[in-house]
Protein backbone atom coordinates (compact mmCIF):
# COMPACT_ATOMS: atom_id res chain seq x y z
CA MET A 1 30.46 6.99 31.08
CA GLU A 2 29.86 4.93 27.93
CA LYS A 3 26.57 5.70 26.21
CA HIS A 4 24.18 2.77 25.89
CA LEU A 5 22.80 2.05 22.44
CA GLN A 6 19.44 3.78 22.26
CA ILE A 7 16.75 2.52 19.91
CA VAL A 8 13.81 4.89 19.48
CA ILE A 9 10.59 3.44 18.06
CA LEU A 10 8.63 6.45 16.84
CA GLU A 11 5.46 4.64 15.69
CA ARG A 12 5.08 1.52 17.78
CA ASN A 13 1.34 1.30 17.09
CA SER A 14 1.91 1.22 13.32
CA VAL A 15 2.49 -2.54 13.60
CA GLY A 16 -0.44 -3.03 15.98
CA THR A 17 -0.54 -3.30 19.73
CA ASP A 18 -1.27 -7.02 19.40
CA ILE A 19 2.23 -7.59 18.01
CA ASP A 20 5.07 -7.96 20.52
CA VAL A 21 8.05 -5.63 19.97
CA SER A 22 10.02 -6.55 23.09
CA CYS A 23 12.64 -8.31 20.93
CA PHE A 24 14.39 -4.96 20.39
CA GLU A 25 15.27 -4.86 24.08
CA GLU A 26 17.85 -7.56 23.33
CA LEU A 27 19.74 -5.05 21.20
CA GLY A 28 19.80 -1.93 23.37
CA GLU A 29 17.83 0.55 25.43
CA VAL A 30 14.42 0.99 23.82
CA VAL A 31 12.39 4.19 23.97
CA CYS A 32 8.93 3.62 22.55
CA TYR A 33 6.23 6.04 21.37
CA ALA A 34 2.75 4.97 20.32
CA ASN A 35 2.74 7.44 17.42
CA THR A 36 4.82 10.34 16.18
CA VAL A 37 3.45 12.72 13.58
CA THR A 38 4.90 16.23 13.54
CA PRO A 39 8.48 17.26 12.69
CA GLU A 40 8.71 18.87 16.13
CA GLU A 41 7.87 15.57 17.82
CA VAL A 42 10.39 13.68 15.70
CA ARG A 43 13.18 16.19 16.34
CA GLU A 44 12.68 16.11 20.09
CA ARG A 45 12.29 12.34 20.42
CA ILE A 46 15.37 11.24 18.43
CA LYS A 47 17.93 13.67 19.92
CA GLU A 48 19.74 10.89 21.80
CA ALA A 49 18.88 8.02 19.46
CA ASP A 50 21.46 5.77 17.82
CA ILE A 51 18.86 3.83 15.86
CA VAL A 52 15.44 5.11 14.79
CA ILE A 53 12.53 2.87 13.83
CA ALA A 54 9.75 4.66 11.95
CA ASN A 55 7.03 4.22 9.37
CA LYS A 56 5.54 7.54 8.25
CA ALA A 57 7.28 10.02 10.58
CA PRO A 58 9.29 12.59 8.57
CA LEU A 59 13.03 11.85 8.71
CA ARG A 60 14.69 14.67 6.83
CA GLU A 61 17.30 17.34 7.49
CA GLU A 62 14.95 19.45 9.62
CA THR A 63 14.23 16.53 11.96
CA LEU A 64 17.62 14.79 11.83
CA LYS A 65 20.06 17.71 12.00
CA ASP A 66 20.20 17.75 15.81
CA ALA A 67 20.18 13.95 16.15
CA LEU A 68 23.95 13.63 16.11
CA HIS A 69 24.12 9.99 17.25
CA VAL A 70 21.82 8.44 14.65
CA LYS A 71 23.61 5.75 12.66
CA LEU A 72 20.68 3.70 11.35
CA ILE A 73 17.07 4.32 10.38
CA CYS A 74 14.82 1.28 10.07
CA GLU A 75 11.46 1.42 8.37
CA PHE A 76 8.55 -0.63 9.68
CA ALA A 77 7.64 -0.80 5.97
CA THR A 78 8.87 -1.38 2.44
CA GLY A 79 8.35 2.24 1.40
CA TYR A 80 10.79 4.88 2.57
CA ASP A 81 9.43 8.07 1.01
CA ASN A 82 9.24 9.58 4.52
CA CYS A 83 13.03 9.53 4.60
CA ASP A 84 15.47 11.84 2.79
CA ILE A 85 17.89 9.22 1.46
CA ALA A 86 20.29 11.76 -0.06
CA TYR A 87 20.63 13.62 3.25
CA CYS A 88 21.12 10.36 5.14
CA LYS A 89 23.86 9.25 2.76
CA ASN A 90 25.59 12.59 3.18
CA ARG A 91 25.43 12.14 6.96
CA GLY A 92 26.55 8.52 6.79
CA ILE A 93 23.23 7.30 8.17
CA LYS A 94 22.18 3.89 6.88
CA VAL A 95 18.54 3.27 5.99
CA ALA A 96 16.99 -0.21 5.98
CA ASN A 97 13.51 -1.29 4.96
CA VAL A 98 11.55 -4.54 5.12
CA VAL A 99 11.07 -6.34 1.83
CA ASP A 100 8.41 -8.83 0.77
CA TYR A 101 6.84 -9.24 4.22
CA SER A 102 3.31 -8.36 3.12
CA THR A 103 3.23 -9.65 -0.47
CA CYS A 104 0.72 -12.44 0.15
CA MET A 105 -1.65 -10.24 2.14
CA VAL A 106 -1.58 -7.31 -0.29
CA ALA A 107 -2.23 -9.67 -3.20
CA GLN A 108 -5.07 -11.28 -1.24
CA HIS A 109 -6.62 -7.89 -0.49
CA THR A 110 -6.33 -6.93 -4.16
CA PHE A 111 -8.70 -9.77 -5.02
CA THR A 112 -10.88 -9.16 -1.97
CA LEU A 113 -11.63 -5.70 -3.36
CA ALA A 114 -11.93 -6.84 -6.97
CA LEU A 115 -14.27 -9.71 -6.20
CA ALA A 116 -16.44 -7.67 -3.84
CA LEU A 117 -16.92 -5.04 -6.55
CA THR A 118 -17.40 -7.29 -9.56
CA GLN A 119 -19.80 -9.62 -7.71
CA LYS A 120 -21.74 -6.73 -6.10
CA LEU A 121 -21.41 -8.29 -2.65
CA ALA A 122 -22.55 -5.13 -0.84
CA TYR A 123 -25.82 -5.12 -2.79
CA TYR A 124 -26.56 -8.83 -2.32
CA ASP A 125 -25.62 -8.87 1.37
CA ASN A 126 -27.93 -5.91 1.97
CA TYR A 127 -30.67 -7.53 -0.11
CA VAL A 128 -30.74 -10.53 2.19
CA LYS A 129 -30.34 -8.62 5.46
CA SER A 130 -33.01 -6.09 4.52
CA GLY A 131 -35.61 -8.86 4.42
CA LYS A 132 -36.22 -8.53 0.68
CA TYR A 133 -34.91 -12.01 -0.02
CA SER A 134 -37.19 -13.57 2.60
CA ALA A 135 -40.14 -11.73 1.10
CA GLN A 136 -39.66 -12.94 -2.46
CA ASP A 137 -41.24 -16.07 -3.90
CA ARG A 138 -38.29 -17.48 -5.86
CA PHE A 139 -35.14 -19.17 -4.61
CA SER A 140 -32.63 -16.88 -6.31
CA HIS A 141 -32.01 -13.21 -7.00
CA PHE A 142 -29.46 -11.78 -9.44
CA ASP A 143 -31.06 -8.55 -10.61
CA MET A 144 -27.82 -6.58 -10.35
CA PRO A 145 -25.61 -8.18 -13.02
CA PHE A 146 -22.18 -9.50 -12.09
CA THR A 147 -19.40 -11.04 -14.14
CA GLU A 148 -16.65 -13.65 -14.04
CA LEU A 149 -12.90 -13.07 -13.88
CA ASP A 150 -12.30 -15.91 -16.29
CA GLY A 151 -11.46 -14.57 -19.73
CA LYS A 152 -11.04 -10.97 -18.58
CA THR A 153 -7.89 -8.88 -19.05
CA TRP A 154 -6.10 -8.01 -15.82
CA GLY A 155 -3.73 -5.06 -16.14
CA ILE A 156 -0.94 -4.31 -13.67
CA ILE A 157 1.23 -1.27 -13.02
CA GLY A 158 4.19 -2.29 -10.87
CA MET A 159 5.55 -5.77 -11.55
CA GLY A 160 7.56 -6.22 -8.36
CA HIS A 161 6.99 -8.92 -5.73
CA ILE A 162 3.34 -7.97 -5.22
CA GLY A 163 2.60 -7.37 -8.90
CA ARG A 164 3.96 -10.77 -9.84
CA LYS A 165 1.94 -12.47 -7.08
CA VAL A 166 -1.20 -10.73 -8.32
CA ALA A 167 -0.39 -11.79 -11.89
CA GLU A 168 -0.03 -15.40 -10.73
CA ILE A 169 -3.40 -15.35 -8.95
CA ALA A 170 -5.14 -13.55 -11.81
CA SER A 171 -3.81 -16.18 -14.19
CA ALA A 172 -5.21 -18.90 -11.94
CA PHE A 173 -8.63 -17.20 -12.23
CA GLY A 174 -8.30 -17.45 -16.01
CA CYS A 175 -7.40 -13.83 -16.68
CA ASN A 176 -5.19 -12.61 -19.49
CA VAL A 177 -2.47 -10.62 -17.68
CA ILE A 178 -0.79 -7.57 -19.19
CA PHE A 179 1.42 -4.99 -17.52
CA TYR A 180 2.99 -1.58 -18.00
CA SER A 181 6.47 -0.74 -16.71
CA ILE A 182 6.70 2.88 -15.57
CA THR A 183 10.49 2.89 -15.86
CA GLY A 184 10.58 0.72 -18.97
CA ASN A 185 13.22 -1.43 -17.30
CA SER A 186 11.18 -4.48 -16.32
CA THR A 187 12.76 -7.83 -17.14
CA VAL A 188 9.55 -9.80 -16.49
CA ASP A 189 8.79 -11.88 -19.56
CA ALA A 190 6.13 -14.24 -18.22
CA TYR A 191 3.39 -11.73 -19.08
CA ARG A 192 2.81 -9.35 -21.99
CA GLN A 193 4.32 -5.93 -21.46
CA VAL A 194 2.39 -3.10 -23.13
CA ASP A 195 2.49 0.67 -23.32
CA LYS A 196 0.30 2.74 -21.02
CA ASP A 197 -2.42 3.52 -23.56
CA THR A 198 -2.78 -0.17 -24.43
CA LEU A 199 -2.96 -1.08 -20.76
CA LEU A 200 -5.71 1.46 -20.14
CA ALA A 201 -7.70 0.50 -23.23
CA GLU A 202 -7.57 -3.29 -22.73
CA SER A 203 -7.81 -3.78 -18.95
CA ASP A 204 -11.05 -5.01 -17.43
CA PHE A 205 -9.33 -4.87 -14.06
CA LEU A 206 -6.38 -2.58 -13.40
CA SER A 207 -4.42 -3.01 -10.18
CA LEU A 208 -1.67 -0.69 -8.99
CA HIS A 209 1.39 -2.02 -7.16
CA CYS A 210 4.05 0.60 -7.93
CA PRO A 211 6.04 2.74 -5.49
CA LEU A 212 5.32 6.45 -5.32
CA SER A 213 7.82 8.48 -7.34
CA ASP A 214 7.91 11.41 -9.72
CA LEU A 215 7.18 8.90 -12.49
CA SER A 216 4.14 7.35 -10.82
CA ARG A 217 2.56 10.33 -9.04
CA ASN A 218 -0.92 10.98 -10.52
CA ILE A 219 -0.35 8.32 -13.18
CA MET A 220 -4.08 7.67 -12.90
CA ASP A 221 -5.57 11.06 -13.72
CA ARG A 222 -8.48 12.42 -15.75
CA GLU A 223 -6.78 11.63 -19.05
CA ALA A 224 -6.05 8.05 -17.98
CA PHE A 225 -9.60 7.35 -16.80
CA ARG A 226 -11.03 8.57 -20.08
CA LYS A 227 -8.97 5.97 -21.93
CA MET A 228 -10.32 3.06 -19.86
CA LYS A 229 -13.30 0.84 -20.50
CA ARG A 230 -16.53 2.06 -18.93
CA SER A 231 -16.82 -1.44 -17.45
CA ALA A 232 -13.31 -1.36 -15.90
CA ILE A 233 -12.54 -1.74 -12.21
CA LEU A 234 -9.54 0.02 -10.65
CA ILE A 235 -7.75 -1.36 -7.59
CA ASN A 236 -5.14 0.74 -5.77
CA VAL A 237 -3.15 -0.98 -3.03
CA ALA A 238 0.06 0.89 -3.85
CA ARG A 239 0.34 4.51 -2.67
CA GLY A 240 -2.45 7.07 -2.56
CA GLY A 241 -0.54 9.58 -4.64
CA VAL A 242 -0.52 7.44 -7.78
CA VAL A 243 -4.25 8.13 -8.21
CA ASN A 244 -5.63 11.64 -8.44
CA ASN A 245 -8.56 11.33 -6.02
CA ARG A 246 -10.61 14.18 -7.49
CA ASP A 247 -10.19 12.83 -11.01
CA LEU A 248 -11.21 9.37 -9.82
CA TYR A 249 -14.32 10.85 -8.19
CA GLU A 250 -15.26 12.51 -11.47
CA ALA A 251 -14.61 9.28 -13.40
CA LEU A 252 -16.88 7.30 -11.06
CA ILE A 253 -19.66 9.91 -11.00
CA ASN A 254 -19.57 10.28 -14.78
CA GLY A 255 -19.44 6.53 -15.41
CA GLU A 256 -16.06 6.64 -17.14
CA ILE A 257 -15.13 3.50 -15.19
CA LEU A 258 -17.41 1.07 -13.38
CA ALA A 259 -15.91 0.91 -9.91
CA ALA A 260 -12.82 1.33 -7.75
CA GLY A 261 -11.38 -0.39 -4.70
CA LEU A 262 -8.87 1.64 -2.70
CA ASP A 263 -6.73 0.82 0.30
CA VAL A 264 -4.69 4.03 0.03
CA LEU A 265 -5.54 7.70 -0.47
CA GLU A 266 -3.71 10.91 -1.32
CA LYS A 267 -3.99 12.00 2.33
CA GLU A 268 -4.62 9.57 5.17
CA PRO A 269 -6.81 9.17 7.06
CA LEU A 270 -9.62 10.07 4.65
CA GLU A 271 -10.36 13.80 4.81
CA LYS A 272 -13.85 15.24 4.54
CA GLU A 273 -12.48 17.47 1.79
CA ASN A 274 -11.67 14.40 -0.32
CA PRO A 275 -14.56 14.13 -2.81
CA LEU A 276 -14.38 10.33 -2.62
CA SER A 277 -15.86 10.62 0.87
CA LEU A 278 -19.11 11.69 -0.81
CA ILE A 279 -19.60 8.31 -2.52
CA SER A 280 -21.50 5.98 -0.20
CA ASP A 281 -22.38 3.34 -2.82
CA SER A 282 -20.19 0.34 -2.02
CA ASN A 283 -21.02 -1.24 -5.36
CA ARG A 284 -19.18 1.64 -7.00
CA LEU A 285 -16.45 2.40 -4.45
CA ILE A 286 -14.91 0.49 -1.57
CA ILE A 287 -12.28 2.19 0.60
CA THR A 288 -10.40 0.29 3.28
CA PRO A 289 -8.19 2.08 5.85
CA HIS A 290 -4.69 1.23 4.57
CA LEU A 291 -4.87 -2.32 5.92
CA ALA A 292 -3.90 -4.44 2.90
CA TRP A 293 -0.47 -5.11 4.37
CA GLY A 294 -1.72 -5.67 7.90
CA SER A 295 -2.45 -9.35 8.51
CA VAL A 296 -1.19 -10.71 11.83
CA GLU A 297 1.37 -12.76 9.94
CA ALA A 298 2.62 -9.81 7.88
CA ARG A 299 2.95 -7.48 10.86
CA SER A 300 4.82 -10.15 12.82
CA ARG A 301 7.20 -10.62 9.88
CA CYS A 302 7.70 -6.86 9.67
CA VAL A 303 8.88 -6.68 13.30
CA LYS A 304 11.08 -9.75 12.96
CA GLU A 305 12.72 -8.47 9.77
CA THR A 306 13.37 -5.08 11.36
CA PHE A 307 15.02 -6.83 14.31
CA LEU A 308 17.22 -8.80 11.91
CA ASN A 309 18.11 -5.59 10.05
CA ILE A 310 19.36 -3.99 13.26
CA GLN A 311 21.14 -7.15 14.35
CA ALA A 312 22.95 -7.30 11.01
CA PHE A 313 23.93 -3.62 11.24
CA LEU A 314 25.42 -4.14 14.69
CA LYS A 315 27.53 -6.95 13.19
CA ASN A 316 28.67 -4.63 10.38
CA GLU A 317 26.68 -6.67 7.89
CA GLU A 318 24.57 -5.12 5.13
CA ARG A 319 20.96 -6.26 5.12
CA ASN A 320 18.04 -4.59 3.28
CA LEU A 321 19.85 -1.26 3.01
CA VAL A 322 18.24 1.15 0.53
């Protein structure tokens, strides 16, 4: 009997239960799991799969070696560091990701964090809701100083789709945009490219938009923070591993930088052992739960693009292969 094409979705809930994924049923038999975490779960669930859709589930030799039918792995994401690309190539397994589906939302969240921190929104919202504003005898209150973006230097690490969108928005706010290329291979010439030390020394705001690699891991460490302005604000919407969380904690506690806004952490969800969990002052640190990419529109695009990746593969067409 001919085997039906089996598509296994390992982390259906990673795109949100409010987003419809029934489109994949047009392409084959769909086996769906809300979440898959451990290698043992992955290995067992993909044994009969022809196509695997994942996000963070580990897809390496130990989990793929018994999955003899797998021909394609699709990421519900742009990043694919959960997948051993070299092993997949050796096995003849194609890997496809989704590109540029969340650029607008990640850029928007970058400025949501930056503006909340620089304008001290947590303090002023609490001031009003605590009743202190109602109790005062003047119409205004601005006792915790805040500053404008206009005229500030906005530094960027990672000048891909998201980095360029952030640069465009920062420019519209009146910022002077500079960037550092980790690989040194950037061809972007619309903004001033600088070395790392210059970036750290000049940036009033520094936002991270680079993939996680051996070059970027811990790029923001104790040494980096000590080279920054004490008034600087760090924004990380890239990958948690590009910022050393303990070193950031020390930098914030010691006043080496002013504040940080994070959407990603070294280990997710936030662990109690992470020293950043000890900082409750939202004027100094805001952490959001890896949601910068997750607007309704972005998650819908992610599913649609994954569908189109599989459809193209079944037609022997190359689309978004990594």
